[in-house]
Amino acid sequence: MQKLTNKEEEIMQILWRLKKAFVKEVIAEIKDEQPHYNTLSTIIRNLEDKGFVSHHAYGNTHQYFPIVKMEEYRKRFMNTAIETYFNSSYKNMVSFFAEEEKISADELREILAIIEKKN
């Protein structure tokens, strides 16, 4: 699975949420500066070339839909991030979030309870 650019990830988030959409529907969902129709169409075609989306043709118009599940991409993304930024250590990752005060002691206890329940 190829890595996506930030803009491609943004478009995939929209397609995962909408399930299927025409380019004009994707443009309507973009919160920041909206790209030109042709630019967005090119990005979506690139996603199709990378194997993330496919389309149904209705004359000259295409309705796009994701063929890679969000969960599948998230798992790959997280594994790569943990490997790259935390030396493949979940402990280092959790420590980082604790030090940055992004996770509370109560949340850590909840995580421990989940882990203990699985064992």
Protein backbone atom coordinates (compact mmCIF):
# COMPACT_ATOMS: atom_id res chain seq x y z
CA MET A 1 0.00 0.00 0.00
CA GLN A 2 1.45 3.33 -1.06
CA LYS A 3 1.77 6.29 1.28
CA LEU A 4 -0.75 9.06 0.74
CA THR A 5 -0.05 12.78 0.70
CA ASN A 6 -1.81 14.96 3.28
CA LYS A 7 -4.30 16.15 0.64
CA GLU A 8 -4.96 12.56 -0.51
CA GLU A 9 -5.60 11.54 3.11
CA GLU A 10 -8.03 14.44 3.47
CA ILE A 11 -9.90 13.31 0.35
CA MET A 12 -9.93 9.69 1.54
CA GLN A 13 -11.42 10.81 4.88
CA ILE A 14 -14.24 12.46 2.92
CA LEU A 15 -14.79 9.41 0.70
CA TRP A 16 -14.79 7.06 3.72
CA ARG A 17 -17.40 9.28 5.37
CA LEU A 18 -19.60 9.69 2.27
CA LYS A 19 -19.08 6.06 1.05
CA LYS A 20 -19.45 7.23 -2.59
CA ALA A 21 -19.34 10.65 -4.17
CA PHE A 22 -18.97 12.69 -7.32
CA VAL A 23 -16.10 15.21 -7.44
CA LYS A 24 -18.50 18.13 -6.83
CA GLU A 25 -19.76 16.40 -3.64
CA VAL A 26 -16.20 15.98 -2.40
CA ILE A 27 -15.46 19.66 -3.08
CA ALA A 28 -18.51 20.63 -1.00
CA GLU A 29 -17.07 18.73 1.98
CA ILE A 30 -13.67 20.44 1.98
CA LYS A 31 -13.53 22.92 4.85
CA ASP A 32 -10.35 24.84 3.99
CA GLU A 33 -9.55 26.43 0.68
CA GLN A 34 -11.41 24.45 -1.94
CA PRO A 35 -9.30 23.22 -4.85
CA HIS A 36 -10.33 23.74 -8.45
CA TYR A 37 -12.56 20.96 -9.80
CA ASN A 38 -9.84 19.72 -12.19
CA THR A 39 -7.23 19.66 -9.41
CA LEU A 40 -9.47 17.59 -7.17
CA SER A 41 -10.37 15.31 -10.06
CA THR A 42 -6.64 14.68 -10.62
CA ILE A 43 -6.09 13.90 -6.92
CA ILE A 44 -8.96 11.40 -6.96
CA ARG A 45 -7.64 9.77 -10.15
CA ASN A 46 -4.24 9.48 -8.42
CA LEU A 47 -5.99 7.74 -5.51
CA GLU A 48 -7.52 5.40 -8.05
CA ASP A 49 -4.09 4.72 -9.61
CA LYS A 50 -2.73 3.95 -6.11
CA GLY A 51 -5.56 1.43 -5.59
CA PHE A 52 -7.47 3.33 -2.91
CA VAL A 53 -10.63 4.18 -4.85
CA SER A 54 -12.59 2.98 -7.84
CA HIS A 55 -15.50 4.47 -9.74
CA HIS A 56 -18.79 3.87 -11.49
CA ALA A 57 -19.14 5.72 -14.77
CA TYR A 58 -22.36 7.55 -15.60
CA GLY A 59 -21.69 8.89 -19.07
CA ASN A 60 -18.81 11.35 -18.71
CA THR A 61 -19.28 11.60 -14.93
CA HIS A 62 -17.65 9.31 -12.39
CA GLN A 63 -18.87 8.45 -8.93
CA TYR A 64 -15.93 7.43 -6.75
CA PHE A 65 -15.90 5.07 -3.78
CA PRO A 66 -13.15 3.75 -1.48
CA ILE A 67 -11.87 0.22 -1.99
CA VAL A 68 -9.40 0.37 0.91
CA LYS A 69 -11.12 0.34 4.30
CA MET A 70 -10.31 3.10 6.77
CA GLU A 71 -9.41 0.51 9.41
CA GLU A 72 -6.92 -1.12 7.04
CA TYR A 73 -5.23 2.20 6.27
CA ARG A 74 -5.28 3.31 9.93
CA LYS A 75 -3.58 0.08 11.01
CA ARG A 76 -0.84 0.48 8.41
CA PHE A 77 -0.45 4.20 9.18
CA MET A 78 -0.18 3.61 12.93
CA ASN A 79 2.27 0.74 12.56
CA THR A 80 4.48 2.89 10.33
CA ALA A 81 4.25 5.89 12.68
CA ILE A 82 5.13 3.80 15.75
CA GLU A 83 8.01 2.18 13.88
CA THR A 84 9.32 5.49 12.53
CA TYR A 85 8.78 7.86 15.46
CA PHE A 86 8.78 5.59 18.52
CA ASN A 87 11.41 2.98 17.61
CA SER A 88 8.68 0.32 17.26
CA SER A 89 7.82 0.75 20.95
CA TYR A 90 4.25 1.22 22.13
CA LYS A 91 5.69 2.09 25.54
CA ASN A 92 7.62 4.98 23.97
CA MET A 93 4.45 6.11 22.19
CA VAL A 94 2.33 6.09 25.36
CA SER A 95 5.13 7.81 27.30
CA PHE A 96 5.27 10.52 24.67
CA PHE A 97 1.54 11.22 24.99
CA ALA A 98 1.76 11.16 28.79
CA GLU A 99 4.66 13.64 28.77
CA GLU A 100 2.80 15.88 26.34
CA GLU A 101 -0.23 15.68 28.67
CA LYS A 102 -2.34 14.26 25.84
CA ILE A 103 -3.39 11.25 27.91
CA SER A 104 -4.57 11.21 31.51
CA ALA A 105 -3.96 8.71 34.29
CA ASP A 106 -7.63 7.71 34.10
CA GLU A 107 -7.29 7.00 30.38
CA LEU A 108 -4.16 4.93 31.06
CA ARG A 109 -6.09 2.92 33.68
CA GLU A 110 -8.83 2.32 31.08
CA ILE A 111 -6.22 1.11 28.61
CA LEU A 112 -4.74 -1.23 31.25
CA ALA A 113 -8.20 -2.61 31.98
CA ILE A 114 -8.70 -3.32 28.26
CA ILE A 115 -5.32 -5.08 28.08
CA GLU A 116 -5.96 -7.12 31.22
CA LYS A 117 -9.42 -8.12 29.99
CA LYS A 118 -7.88 -9.53 26.77
CA ASN A 119 -5.32 -11.63 28.70
